Amino acid sequence: MFERRHQPLLPVPLFVARMGKSLVIAVAIDVVFLFAGALGFRQFEGLDWPDALLNAGLVVTGNGPITRMQTAPGKVFLLVYAIVGVVVFAAVISVVLAPVLHRALHAFHVDVPDEEKRS
């Protein structure tokens, strides 16, 4: 996916495009996961869309739900959603940071041609 050690550092416009692609992927993952959480809160607790989305967003960010869960299936869903949400959050952060960290490490490890090594 990224350039190899023997390849030159990616030009800035292409790097910006790569970052844009990573951000689109991260936002898509977040939207799908938030929608799945909102569906779960609607199904198990009967919340309306605004409250279901609010709960899903707050649980994923670690703030906890705004609505107290009343049913046992709702409580189990909240627990599973919170645990999976931590993993998804870490994955999304990784998707966003991977191009930046790769570029930084690649800049230190790019092979320098022999004529440049002598000067």
PDB file of N, CA and C in Angstrom:
ATOM      1  N   MET A   1       0.822  -1.194   0.000  1.00  0.00           N
ATOM      2  CA  MET A   1       0.000   0.000   0.000  1.00  0.00           C
ATOM      3  C   MET A   1       0.867   1.260   0.000  1.00  0.00           C
ATOM      4  N   PHE A   2       1.897   1.267   0.827  1.00  0.00           N
ATOM      5  CA  PHE A   2       2.782   2.424   0.885  1.00  0.00           C
ATOM      6  C   PHE A   2       4.061   2.122   0.116  1.00  0.00           C
ATOM      7  N   GLU A   3       4.883   3.162  -0.094  1.00  0.00           N
ATOM      8  CA  GLU A   3       6.115   2.971  -0.848  1.00  0.00           C
ATOM      9  C   GLU A   3       7.128   2.174  -0.024  1.00  0.00           C
ATOM     10  N   ARG A   4       8.008   1.479  -0.739  1.00  0.00           N
ATOM     11  CA  ARG A   4       9.032   0.635  -0.117  1.00  0.00           C
ATOM     12  C   ARG A   4      10.277   1.461   0.180  1.00  0.00           C
ATOM     13  N   ARG A   5      11.212   0.830   0.872  1.00  0.00           N
ATOM     14  CA  ARG A   5      12.428   1.515   1.291  1.00  0.00           C
ATOM     15  C   ARG A   5      13.236   2.049   0.111  1.00  0.00           C
ATOM     16  N   HIS A   6      13.284   1.299  -0.973  1.00  0.00           N
ATOM     17  CA  HIS A   6      14.087   1.718  -2.124  1.00  0.00           C
ATOM     18  C   HIS A   6      13.385   2.785  -2.967  1.00  0.00           C
ATOM     19  N   GLN A   7      12.139   3.084  -2.679  1.00  0.00           N
ATOM     20  CA  GLN A   7      11.392   4.094  -3.433  1.00  0.00           C
ATOM     21  C   GLN A   7      11.549   5.461  -2.767  1.00  0.00           C
ATOM     22  N   PRO A   8      11.483   6.530  -3.559  1.00  0.00           N
ATOM     23  CA  PRO A   8      11.612   7.871  -2.972  1.00  0.00           C
ATOM     24  C   PRO A   8      10.384   8.237  -2.137  1.00  0.00           C
ATOM     25  N   LEU A   9      10.562   9.263  -1.330  1.00  0.00           N
ATOM     26  CA  LEU A   9       9.471   9.775  -0.505  1.00  0.00           C
ATOM     27  C   LEU A   9       8.348  10.280  -1.409  1.00  0.00           C
ATOM     28  N   LEU A  10       7.133   9.999  -1.034  1.00  0.00           N
ATOM     29  CA  LEU A  10       5.970  10.386  -1.835  1.00  0.00           C
ATOM     30  C   LEU A  10       5.864  11.914  -1.903  1.00  0.00           C
ATOM     31  N   PRO A  11       5.613  12.497  -3.081  1.00  0.00           N
ATOM     32  CA  PRO A  11       5.435  13.952  -3.171  1.00  0.00           C
ATOM     33  C   PRO A  11       4.250  14.414  -2.311  1.00  0.00           C
ATOM     34  N   VAL A  12       4.318  15.648  -1.857  1.00  0.00           N
ATOM     35  CA  VAL A  12       3.308  16.183  -0.935  1.00  0.00           C
ATOM     36  C   VAL A  12       1.886  16.098  -1.501  1.00  0.00           C
ATOM     37  N   PRO A  13       1.627  16.460  -2.766  1.00  0.00           N
ATOM     38  CA  PRO A  13       0.244  16.351  -3.258  1.00  0.00           C
ATOM     39  C   PRO A  13      -0.306  14.920  -3.196  1.00  0.00           C
ATOM     40  N   LEU A  14       0.542  13.941  -3.492  1.00  0.00           N
ATOM     41  CA  LEU A  14       0.097  12.549  -3.408  1.00  0.00           C
ATOM     42  C   LEU A  14      -0.097  12.121  -1.957  1.00  0.00           C
ATOM     43  N   PHE A  15       0.745  12.651  -1.064  1.00  0.00           N
ATOM     44  CA  PHE A  15       0.580  12.345   0.359  1.00  0.00           C
ATOM     45  C   PHE A  15      -0.724  12.933   0.888  1.00  0.00           C
ATOM     46  N   VAL A  16      -1.059  14.139   0.458  1.00  0.00           N
ATOM     47  CA  VAL A  16      -2.328  14.755   0.874  1.00  0.00           C
ATOM     48  C   VAL A  16      -3.501  13.917   0.362  1.00  0.00           C
ATOM     49  N   ALA A  17      -3.392  13.416  -0.858  1.00  0.00           N
ATOM     50  CA  ALA A  17      -4.447  12.549  -1.395  1.00  0.00           C
ATOM     51  C   ALA A  17      -4.553  11.258  -0.582  1.00  0.00           C
ATOM     52  N   ARG A  18      -3.414  10.709  -0.189  1.00  0.00           N
ATOM     53  CA  ARG A  18      -3.417   9.499   0.640  1.00  0.00           C
ATOM     54  C   ARG A  18      -4.083   9.778   1.989  1.00  0.00           C
ATOM     55  N   MET A  19      -3.788  10.932   2.575  1.00  0.00           N
ATOM     56  CA  MET A  19      -4.416  11.297   3.851  1.00  0.00           C
ATOM     57  C   MET A  19      -5.918  11.474   3.676  1.00  0.00           C
ATOM     58  N   GLY A  20      -6.317  12.070   2.555  1.00  0.00           N
ATOM     59  CA  GLY A  20      -7.745  12.225   2.285  1.00  0.00           C
ATOM     60  C   GLY A  20      -8.443  10.881   2.188  1.00  0.00           C
ATOM     61  N   LYS A  21      -7.805   9.932   1.518  1.00  0.00           N
ATOM     62  CA  LYS A  21      -8.369   8.584   1.402  1.00  0.00           C
ATOM     63  C   LYS A  21      -8.486   7.936   2.782  1.00  0.00           C
ATOM     64  N   SER A  22      -7.467   8.099   3.604  1.00  0.00           N
ATOM     65  CA  SER A  22      -7.508   7.533   4.955  1.00  0.00           C
ATOM     66  C   SER A  22      -8.623   8.157   5.785  1.00  0.00           C
ATOM     67  N   LEU A  23      -8.808   9.456   5.654  1.00  0.00           N
ATOM     68  CA  LEU A  23      -9.878  10.124   6.400  1.00  0.00           C
ATOM     69  C   LEU A  23     -11.254   9.664   5.937  1.00  0.00           C
ATOM     70  N   VAL A  24     -11.413   9.473   4.633  1.00  0.00           N
ATOM     71  CA  VAL A  24     -12.700   8.981   4.120  1.00  0.00           C
ATOM     72  C   VAL A  24     -12.985   7.583   4.665  1.00  0.00           C
ATOM     73  N   ILE A  25     -11.979   6.729   4.685  1.00  0.00           N
ATOM     74  CA  ILE A  25     -12.155   5.378   5.230  1.00  0.00           C
ATOM     75  C   ILE A  25     -12.518   5.447   6.710  1.00  0.00           C
ATOM     76  N   ALA A  26     -11.827   6.299   7.459  1.00  0.00           N
ATOM     77  CA  ALA A  26     -12.093   6.423   8.895  1.00  0.00           C
ATOM     78  C   ALA A  26     -13.507   6.932   9.159  1.00  0.00           C
ATOM     79  N   VAL A  27     -13.928   7.936   8.420  1.00  0.00           N
ATOM     80  CA  VAL A  27     -15.283   8.473   8.606  1.00  0.00           C
ATOM     81  C   VAL A  27     -16.324   7.425   8.228  1.00  0.00           C
ATOM     82  N   ALA A  28     -16.069   6.674   7.165  1.00  0.00           N
ATOM     83  CA  ALA A  28     -17.015   5.628   6.758  1.00  0.00           C
ATOM     84  C   ALA A  28     -17.157   4.562   7.843  1.00  0.00           C
ATOM     85  N   ILE A  29     -16.039   4.150   8.429  1.00  0.00           N
ATOM     86  CA  ILE A  29     -16.096   3.171   9.522  1.00  0.00           C
ATOM     87  C   ILE A  29     -16.887   3.738  10.693  1.00  0.00           C
ATOM     88  N   ASP A  30     -16.627   4.989  11.047  1.00  0.00           N
ATOM     89  CA  ASP A  30     -17.351   5.624  12.155  1.00  0.00           C
ATOM     90  C   ASP A  30     -18.846   5.707  11.886  1.00  0.00           C
ATOM     91  N   VAL A  31     -19.218   6.114  10.693  1.00  0.00           N
ATOM     92  CA  VAL A  31     -20.642   6.259  10.362  1.00  0.00           C
ATOM     93  C   VAL A  31     -21.350   4.908  10.434  1.00  0.00           C
ATOM     94  N   VAL A  32     -20.733   3.877   9.874  1.00  0.00           N
ATOM     95  CA  VAL A  32     -21.340   2.542   9.912  1.00  0.00           C
ATOM     96  C   VAL A  32     -21.478   2.063  11.353  1.00  0.00           C
ATOM     97  N   PHE A  33     -20.445   2.256  12.152  1.00  0.00           N
ATOM     98  CA  PHE A  33     -20.492   1.790  13.537  1.00  0.00           C
ATOM     99  C   PHE A  33     -21.507   2.581  14.364  1.00  0.00           C
ATOM    100  N   LEU A  34     -21.579   3.892  14.165  1.00  0.00           N
ATOM    101  CA  LEU A  34     -22.574   4.688  14.890  1.00  0.00           C
ATOM    102  C   LEU A  34     -23.993   4.306  14.475  1.00  0.00           C
ATOM    103  N   PHE A  35     -24.196   4.071  13.191  1.00  0.00           N
ATOM    104  CA  PHE A  35     -25.520   3.662  12.724  1.00  0.00           C
ATOM    105  C   PHE A  35     -25.908   2.305  13.314  1.00  0.00           C
ATOM    106  N   ALA A  36     -24.953   1.374  13.375  1.00  0.00           N
ATOM    107  CA  ALA A  36     -25.222   0.065  13.982  1.00  0.00           C
ATOM    108  C   ALA A  36     -25.575   0.222  15.456  1.00  0.00           C
ATOM    109  N   GLY A  37     -24.867   1.103  16.154  1.00  0.00           N
ATOM    110  CA  GLY A  37     -25.177   1.344  17.561  1.00  0.00           C
ATOM    111  C   GLY A  37     -26.544   1.970  17.747  1.00  0.00           C
ATOM    112  N   ALA A  38     -26.878   2.922  16.899  1.00  0.00           N
ATOM    113  CA  ALA A  38     -28.196   3.561  16.990  1.00  0.00           C
ATOM    114  C   ALA A  38     -29.301   2.545  16.726  1.00  0.00           C
ATOM    115  N   LEU A  39     -29.086   1.661  15.756  1.00  0.00           N
ATOM    116  CA  LEU A  39     -30.079   0.607  15.502  1.00  0.00           C
ATOM    117  C   LEU A  39     -30.243  -0.296  16.722  1.00  0.00           C
ATOM    118  N   GLY A  40     -29.140  -0.619  17.367  1.00  0.00           N
ATOM    119  CA  GLY A  40     -29.205  -1.450  18.562  1.00  0.00           C
ATOM    120  C   GLY A  40     -29.963  -0.775  19.692  1.00  0.00           C
ATOM    121  N   PHE A  41     -29.699   0.505  19.912  1.00  0.00           N
ATOM    122  CA  PHE A  41     -30.410   1.228  20.972  1.00  0.00           C
ATOM    123  C   PHE A  41     -31.893   1.364  20.644  1.00  0.00           C
ATOM    124  N   ARG A  42     -32.205   1.528  19.379  1.00  0.00           N
ATOM    125  CA  ARG A  42     -33.621   1.583  18.982  1.00  0.00           C
ATOM    126  C   ARG A  42     -34.290   0.227  19.181  1.00  0.00           C
ATOM    127  N   GLN A  43     -33.601  -0.831  18.807  1.00  0.00           N
ATOM    128  CA  GLN A  43     -34.175  -2.173  18.894  1.00  0.00           C
ATOM    129  C   GLN A  43     -34.355  -2.622  20.345  1.00  0.00           C
ATOM    130  N   PHE A  44     -33.314  -2.464  21.157  1.00  0.00           N
ATOM    131  CA  PHE A  44     -33.346  -3.023  22.510  1.00  0.00           C
ATOM    132  C   PHE A  44     -33.971  -2.097  23.545  1.00  0.00           C
ATOM    133  N   GLU A  45     -33.911  -0.791  23.329  1.00  0.00           N
ATOM    134  CA  GLU A  45     -34.438   0.152  24.312  1.00  0.00           C
ATOM    135  C   GLU A  45     -35.595   0.989  23.793  1.00  0.00           C
ATOM    136  N   GLY A  46     -35.867   0.913  22.499  1.00  0.00           N
ATOM    137  CA  GLY A  46     -36.984   1.670  21.937  1.00  0.00           C
ATOM    138  C   GLY A  46     -36.756   3.171  21.897  1.00  0.00           C
ATOM    139  N   LEU A  47     -35.504   3.592  21.813  1.00  0.00           N
ATOM    140  CA  LEU A  47     -35.196   5.025  21.779  1.00  0.00           C
ATOM    141  C   LEU A  47     -35.509   5.602  20.402  1.00  0.00           C
ATOM    142  N   ASP A  48     -35.800   6.901  20.361  1.00  0.00           N
ATOM    143  CA  ASP A  48     -35.982   7.555  19.064  1.00  0.00           C
ATOM    144  C   ASP A  48     -34.600   7.816  18.458  1.00  0.00           C
ATOM    145  N   TRP A  49     -34.573   8.196  17.174  1.00  0.00           N
ATOM    146  CA  TRP A  49     -33.301   8.345  16.460  1.00  0.00           C
ATOM    147  C   TRP A  49     -32.329   9.320  17.121  1.00  0.00           C
ATOM    148  N   PRO A  50     -32.751  10.521  17.515  1.00  0.00           N
ATOM    149  CA  PRO A  50     -31.766  11.429  18.121  1.00  0.00           C
ATOM    150  C   PRO A  50     -31.136  10.863  19.397  1.00  0.00           C
ATOM    151  N   ASP A  51     -31.952  10.275  20.270  1.00  0.00           N
ATOM    152  CA  ASP A  51     -31.403   9.711  21.503  1.00  0.00           C
ATOM    153  C   ASP A  51     -30.544   8.479  21.227  1.00  0.00           C
ATOM    154  N   ALA A  52     -30.951   7.673  20.259  1.00  0.00           N
ATOM    155  CA  ALA A  52     -30.173   6.482  19.914  1.00  0.00           C
ATOM    156  C   ALA A  52     -28.806   6.873  19.352  1.00  0.00           C
ATOM    157  N   LEU A  53     -28.772   7.861  18.462  1.00  0.00           N
ATOM    158  CA  LEU A  53     -27.489   8.326  17.917  1.00  0.00           C
ATOM    159  C   LEU A  53     -26.631   8.980  18.990  1.00  0.00           C
ATOM    160  N   LEU A  54     -27.256   9.747  19.869  1.00  0.00           N
ATOM    161  CA  LEU A  54     -26.514  10.385  20.959  1.00  0.00           C
ATOM    162  C   LEU A  54     -25.886   9.330  21.859  1.00  0.00           C
ATOM    163  N   ASN A  55     -26.665   8.327  22.241  1.00  0.00           N
ATOM    164  CA  ASN A  55     -26.122   7.255  23.075  1.00  0.00           C
ATOM    165  C   ASN A  55     -24.987   6.527  22.367  1.00  0.00           C
ATOM    166  N   ALA A  56     -25.179   6.207  21.099  1.00  0.00           N
ATOM    167  CA  ALA A  56     -24.138   5.496  20.352  1.00  0.00           C
ATOM    168  C   ALA A  56     -22.850   6.318  20.302  1.00  0.00           C
ATOM    169  N   GLY A  57     -22.968   7.596  20.029  1.00  0.00           N
ATOM    170  CA  GLY A  57     -21.789   8.450  19.967  1.00  0.00           C
ATOM    171  C   GLY A  57     -21.094   8.599  21.307  1.00  0.00           C
ATOM    172  N   LEU A  58     -21.876   8.747  22.362  1.00  0.00           N
ATOM    173  CA  LEU A  58     -21.279   8.919  23.682  1.00  0.00           C
ATOM    174  C   LEU A  58     -20.629   7.635  24.186  1.00  0.00           C
ATOM    175  N   VAL A  59     -21.214   6.501  23.888  1.00  0.00           N
ATOM    176  CA  VAL A  59     -20.629   5.231  24.325  1.00  0.00           C
ATOM    177  C   VAL A  59     -19.304   4.987  23.612  1.00  0.00           C
ATOM    178  N   VAL A  60     -19.248   5.255  22.318  1.00  0.00           N
ATOM    179  CA  VAL A  60     -18.013   5.030  21.554  1.00  0.00           C
ATOM    180  C   VAL A  60     -16.889   5.935  22.043  1.00  0.00           C
ATOM    181  N   THR A  61     -17.207   7.157  22.422  1.00  0.00           N
ATOM    182  CA  THR A  61     -16.170   8.084  22.878  1.00  0.00           C
ATOM    183  C   THR A  61     -15.802   7.885  24.340  1.00  0.00           C
ATOM    184  N   GLY A  62     -16.467   6.953  25.012  1.00  0.00           N
ATOM    185  CA  GLY A  62     -16.118   6.655  26.393  1.00  0.00           C
ATOM    186  C   GLY A  62     -16.850   7.474  27.427  1.00  0.00           C
ATOM    187  N   ASN A  63     -17.828   8.254  27.026  1.00  0.00           N
ATOM    188  CA  ASN A  63     -18.563   9.094  27.967  1.00  0.00           C
ATOM    189  C   ASN A  63     -19.723   8.367  28.626  1.00  0.00           C
ATOM    190  N   GLY A  64     -20.156   7.273  28.066  1.00  0.00           N
ATOM    191  CA  GLY A  64     -21.280   6.533  28.621  1.00  0.00           C
ATOM    192  C   GLY A  64     -22.593   7.022  28.049  1.00  0.00           C
ATOM    193  N   PRO A  65     -23.628   6.207  28.211  1.00  0.00           N
ATOM    194  CA  PRO A  65     -24.925   6.567  27.629  1.00  0.00           C
ATOM    195  C   PRO A  65     -25.602   7.684  28.407  1.00  0.00           C
ATOM    196  N   ILE A  66     -26.438   8.442  27.726  1.00  0.00           N
ATOM    197  CA  ILE A  66     -27.191   9.510  28.370  1.00  0.00           C
ATOM    198  C   ILE A  66     -28.509   8.982  28.920  1.00  0.00           C
ATOM    199  N   THR A  67     -28.978   7.872  28.343  1.00  0.00           N
ATOM    200  CA  THR A  67     -30.231   7.249  28.759  1.00  0.00           C
ATOM    201  C   THR A  67     -29.913   5.979  29.534  1.00  0.00           C
ATOM    202  N   ARG A  68     -30.557   5.813  30.665  1.00  0.00           N
ATOM    203  CA  ARG A  68     -30.343   4.600  31.457  1.00  0.00           C
ATOM    204  C   ARG A  68     -31.014   3.413  30.756  1.00  0.00           C
ATOM    205  N   MET A  69     -30.272   2.317  30.658  1.00  0.00           N
ATOM    206  CA  MET A  69     -30.804   1.123  30.015  1.00  0.00           C
ATOM    207  C   MET A  69     -31.806   0.451  30.955  1.00  0.00           C
ATOM    208  N   GLN A  70     -32.984   0.121  30.431  1.00  0.00           N
ATOM    209  CA  GLN A  70     -34.061  -0.444  31.237  1.00  0.00           C
ATOM    210  C   GLN A  70     -34.204  -1.952  31.083  1.00  0.00           C
ATOM    211  N   THR A  71     -33.765  -2.504  29.972  1.00  0.00           N
ATOM    212  CA  THR A  71     -33.966  -3.932  29.712  1.00  0.00           C
ATOM    213  C   THR A  71     -32.637  -4.678  29.804  1.00  0.00           C
ATOM    214  N   ALA A  72     -32.717  -5.963  30.114  1.00  0.00           N
ATOM    215  CA  ALA A  72     -31.506  -6.790  30.177  1.00  0.00           C
ATOM    216  C   ALA A  72     -30.820  -6.889  28.808  1.00  0.00           C
ATOM    217  N   PRO A  73     -31.566  -7.118  27.715  1.00  0.00           N
ATOM    218  CA  PRO A  73     -30.891  -7.134  26.405  1.00  0.00           C
ATOM    219  C   PRO A  73     -30.241  -5.781  26.075  1.00  0.00           C
ATOM    220  N   GLY A  74     -30.867  -4.686  26.484  1.00  0.00           N
ATOM    221  CA  GLY A  74     -30.284  -3.369  26.260  1.00  0.00           C
ATOM    222  C   GLY A  74     -28.976  -3.191  27.007  1.00  0.00           C
ATOM    223  N   LYS A  75     -28.922  -3.715  28.223  1.00  0.00           N
ATOM    224  CA  LYS A  75     -27.694  -3.620  29.019  1.00  0.00           C
ATOM    225  C   LYS A  75     -26.577  -4.471  28.415  1.00  0.00           C
ATOM    226  N   VAL A  76     -26.932  -5.660  27.940  1.00  0.00           N
ATOM    227  CA  VAL A  76     -25.934  -6.520  27.295  1.00  0.00           C
ATOM    228  C   VAL A  76     -25.439  -5.867  26.006  1.00  0.00           C
ATOM    229  N   PHE A  77     -26.362  -5.302  25.228  1.00  0.00           N
ATOM    230  CA  PHE A  77     -25.959  -4.613  23.999  1.00  0.00           C
ATOM    231  C   PHE A  77     -25.013  -3.461  24.323  1.00  0.00           C
ATOM    232  N   LEU A  78     -25.335  -2.686  25.348  1.00  0.00           N
ATOM    233  CA  LEU A  78     -24.485  -1.561  25.741  1.00  0.00           C
ATOM    234  C   LEU A  78     -23.084  -2.046  26.092  1.00  0.00           C
ATOM    235  N   LEU A  79     -22.988  -3.119  26.840  1.00  0.00           N
ATOM    236  CA  LEU A  79     -21.694  -3.663  27.233  1.00  0.00           C
ATOM    237  C   LEU A  79     -20.887  -4.105  26.014  1.00  0.00           C
ATOM    238  N   VAL A  80     -21.508  -4.877  25.139  1.00  0.00           N
ATOM    239  CA  VAL A  80     -20.807  -5.370  23.946  1.00  0.00           C
ATOM    240  C   VAL A  80     -20.432  -4.208  23.028  1.00  0.00           C
ATOM    241  N   TYR A  81     -21.354  -3.276  22.850  1.00  0.00           N
ATOM    242  CA  TYR A  81     -21.095  -2.122  21.978  1.00  0.00           C
ATOM    243  C   TYR A  81     -19.937  -1.279  22.517  1.00  0.00           C
ATOM    244  N   ALA A  82     -19.871  -1.112  23.831  1.00  0.00           N
ATOM    245  CA  ALA A  82     -18.788  -0.328  24.424  1.00  0.00           C
ATOM    246  C   ALA A  82     -17.439  -1.020  24.236  1.00  0.00           C
ATOM    247  N   ILE A  83     -17.401  -2.328  24.436  1.00  0.00           N
ATOM    248  CA  ILE A  83     -16.136  -3.061  24.289  1.00  0.00           C
ATOM    249  C   ILE A  83     -15.674  -3.057  22.835  1.00  0.00           C
ATOM    250  N   VAL A  84     -16.585  -3.348  21.928  1.00  0.00           N
ATOM    251  CA  VAL A  84     -16.232  -3.343  20.506  1.00  0.00           C
ATOM    252  C   VAL A  84     -15.890  -1.919  20.058  1.00  0.00           C
ATOM    253  N   GLY A  85     -16.559  -0.935  20.641  1.00  0.00           N
ATOM    254  CA  GLY A  85     -16.305   0.460  20.289  1.00  0.00           C
ATOM    255  C   GLY A  85     -14.881   0.894  20.570  1.00  0.00           C
ATOM    256  N   VAL A  86     -14.291   0.386  21.636  1.00  0.00           N
ATOM    257  CA  VAL A  86     -12.901   0.713  21.951  1.00  0.00           C
ATOM    258  C   VAL A  86     -11.978   0.180  20.856  1.00  0.00           C
ATOM    259  N   VAL A  87     -12.241  -1.025  20.402  1.00  0.00           N
ATOM    260  CA  VAL A  87     -11.428  -1.625  19.343  1.00  0.00           C
ATOM    261  C   VAL A  87     -11.607  -0.859  18.030  1.00  0.00           C
ATOM    262  N   VAL A  88     -12.844  -0.515  17.714  1.00  0.00           N
ATOM    263  CA  VAL A  88     -13.114   0.241  16.485  1.00  0.00           C
ATOM    264  C   VAL A  88     -12.461   1.617  16.557  1.00  0.00           C
ATOM    265  N   PHE A  89     -12.528   2.263  17.707  1.00  0.00           N
ATOM    266  CA  PHE A  89     -11.902   3.574  17.879  1.00  0.00           C
ATOM    267  C   PHE A  89     -10.392   3.477  17.642  1.00  0.00           C
ATOM    268  N   ALA A  90      -9.756   2.457  18.198  1.00  0.00           N
ATOM    269  CA  ALA A  90      -8.321   2.265  17.986  1.00  0.00           C
ATOM    270  C   ALA A  90      -8.014   1.996  16.512  1.00  0.00           C
ATOM    271  N   ALA A  91      -8.859   1.227  15.852  1.00  0.00           N
ATOM    272  CA  ALA A  91      -8.650   0.936  14.431  1.00  0.00           C
ATOM    273  C   ALA A  91      -8.775   2.198  13.585  1.00  0.00           C
ATOM    274  N   VAL A  92      -9.754   3.029  13.903  1.00  0.00           N
ATOM    275  CA  VAL A  92      -9.954   4.268  13.141  1.00  0.00           C
ATOM    276  C   VAL A  92      -8.768   5.211  13.343  1.00  0.00           C
ATOM    277  N   ILE A  93      -8.290   5.333  14.562  1.00  0.00           N
ATOM    278  CA  ILE A  93      -7.113   6.168  14.818  1.00  0.00           C
ATOM    279  C   ILE A  93      -5.910   5.618  14.045  1.00  0.00           C
ATOM    280  N   SER A  94      -5.775   4.306  13.986  1.00  0.00           N
ATOM    281  CA  SER A  94      -4.672   3.692  13.240  1.00  0.00           C
ATOM    282  C   SER A  94      -4.763   3.986  11.752  1.00  0.00           C
ATOM    283  N   VAL A  95      -5.968   3.940  11.210  1.00  0.00           N
ATOM    284  CA  VAL A  95      -6.161   4.229   9.785  1.00  0.00           C
ATOM    285  C   VAL A  95      -5.745   5.664   9.472  1.00  0.00           C
ATOM    286  N   VAL A  96      -6.041   6.582  10.377  1.00  0.00           N
ATOM    287  CA  VAL A  96      -5.709   7.991  10.147  1.00  0.00           C
ATOM    288  C   VAL A  96      -4.213   8.240  10.343  1.00  0.00           C
ATOM    289  N   LEU A  97      -3.613   7.625  11.352  1.00  0.00           N
ATOM    290  CA  LEU A  97      -2.210   7.906  11.661  1.00  0.00           C
ATOM    291  C   LEU A  97      -1.212   7.103  10.825  1.00  0.00           C
ATOM    292  N   ALA A  98      -1.626   6.011  10.232  1.00  0.00           N
ATOM    293  CA  ALA A  98      -0.693   5.158   9.486  1.00  0.00           C
ATOM    294  C   ALA A  98       0.072   5.910   8.398  1.00  0.00           C
ATOM    295  N   PRO A  99      -0.581   6.712   7.549  1.00  0.00           N
ATOM    296  CA  PRO A  99       0.197   7.422   6.521  1.00  0.00           C
ATOM    297  C   PRO A  99       1.201   8.415   7.108  1.00  0.00           C
ATOM    298  N   VAL A 100       0.832   9.078   8.185  1.00  0.00           N
ATOM    299  CA  VAL A 100       1.725  10.067   8.803  1.00  0.00           C
ATOM    300  C   VAL A 100       2.944   9.371   9.404  1.00  0.00           C
ATOM    301  N   LEU A 101       2.707   8.317  10.169  1.00  0.00           N
ATOM    302  CA  LEU A 101       3.817   7.599  10.791  1.00  0.00           C
ATOM    303  C   LEU A 101       4.692   6.918   9.742  1.00  0.00           C
ATOM    304  N   HIS A 102       4.082   6.374   8.701  1.00  0.00           N
ATOM    305  CA  HIS A 102       4.874   5.745   7.643  1.00  0.00           C
ATOM    306  C   HIS A 102       5.758   6.770   6.949  1.00  0.00           C
ATOM    307  N   ARG A 103       5.213   7.941   6.669  1.00  0.00           N
ATOM    308  CA  ARG A 103       6.003   8.979   5.999  1.00  0.00           C
ATOM    309  C   ARG A 103       7.180   9.407   6.869  1.00  0.00           C
ATOM    310  N   ALA A 104       6.937   9.577   8.164  1.00  0.00           N
ATOM    311  CA  ALA A 104       8.016   9.983   9.067  1.00  0.00           C
ATOM    312  C   ALA A 104       9.114   8.919   9.121  1.00  0.00           C
ATOM    313  N   LEU A 105       8.733   7.671   9.270  1.00  0.00           N
ATOM    314  CA  LEU A 105       9.733   6.602   9.317  1.00  0.00           C
ATOM    315  C   LEU A 105      10.414   6.410   7.969  1.00  0.00           C
ATOM    316  N   HIS A 106       9.663   6.547   6.897  1.00  0.00           N
ATOM    317  CA  HIS A 106      10.233   6.385   5.556  1.00  0.00           C
ATOM    318  C   HIS A 106      11.263   7.476   5.268  1.00  0.00           C
ATOM    319  N   ALA A 107      11.030   8.674   5.765  1.00  0.00           N
ATOM    320  CA  ALA A 107      11.973   9.775   5.546  1.00  0.00           C
ATOM    321  C   ALA A 107      13.332   9.459   6.175  1.00  0.00           C
ATOM    322  N   PHE A 108      13.342   8.712   7.271  1.00  0.00           N
ATOM    323  CA  PHE A 108      14.603   8.352   7.922  1.00  0.00           C
ATOM    324  C   PHE A 108      15.290   7.156   7.266  1.00  0.00           C
ATOM    325  N   HIS A 109      14.552   6.361   6.522  1.00  0.00           N
ATOM    326  CA  HIS A 109      15.097   5.117   5.993  1.00  0.00           C
ATOM    327  C   HIS A 109      15.189   5.053   4.474  1.00  0.00           C
ATOM    328  N   VAL A 110      14.984   6.150   3.797  1.00  0.00           N
ATOM    329  CA  VAL A 110      15.079   6.152   2.338  1.00  0.00           C
ATOM    330  C   VAL A 110      16.524   5.877   1.944  1.00  0.00           C
ATOM    331  N   ASP A 111      16.710   4.964   0.991  1.00  0.00           N
ATOM    332  CA  ASP A 111      18.058   4.684   0.496  1.00  0.00           C
ATOM    333  C   ASP A 111      18.584   5.900  -0.249  1.00  0.00           C
ATOM    334  N   VAL A 112      19.799   6.318   0.097  1.00  0.00           N
ATOM    335  CA  VAL A 112      20.427   7.462  -0.550  1.00  0.00           C
ATOM    336  C   VAL A 112      21.347   6.921  -1.640  1.00  0.00           C
ATOM    337  N   PRO A 113      21.276   7.465  -2.874  1.00  0.00           N
ATOM    338  CA  PRO A 113      22.173   7.007  -3.944  1.00  0.00           C
ATOM    339  C   PRO A 113      23.641   7.179  -3.550  1.00  0.00           C
ATOM    340  N   ASP A 114      24.537   6.361  -4.148  1.00  0.00           N
ATOM    341  CA  ASP A 114      25.959   6.358  -3.786  1.00  0.00           C
ATOM    342  C   ASP A 114      26.621   7.717  -3.955  1.00  0.00           C
ATOM    343  N   GLU A 115      26.285   8.465  -5.020  1.00  0.00           N
ATOM    344  CA  GLU A 115      26.937   9.758  -5.239  1.00  0.00           C
ATOM    345  C   GLU A 115      26.550  10.769  -4.165  1.00  0.00           C
ATOM    346  N   GLU A 116      25.382  10.639  -3.583  1.00  0.00           N
ATOM    347  CA  GLU A 116      24.981  11.551  -2.513  1.00  0.00           C
ATOM    348  C   GLU A 116      25.621  11.153  -1.189  1.00  0.00           C
ATOM    349  N   LYS A 117      25.965   9.884  -1.017  1.00  0.00           N
ATOM    350  CA  LYS A 117      26.585   9.428   0.225  1.00  0.00           C
ATOM    351  C   LYS A 117      27.984  10.013   0.380  1.00  0.00           C
ATOM    352  N   ARG A 118      28.697  10.239  -0.723  1.00  0.00           N
ATOM    353  CA  ARG A 118      30.072  10.735  -0.673  1.00  0.00           C
ATOM    354  C   ARG A 118      30.154  12.199  -0.299  1.00  0.00           C
ATOM    355  N   SER A 119      29.123  12.979  -0.585  1.00  0.00           N
ATOM    356  CA  SER A 119      29.213  14.412  -0.328  1.00  0.00           C
ATOM    357  C   SER A 119      28.708  14.776   1.034  1.00  0.00           C
TER     358      SER A 119
END
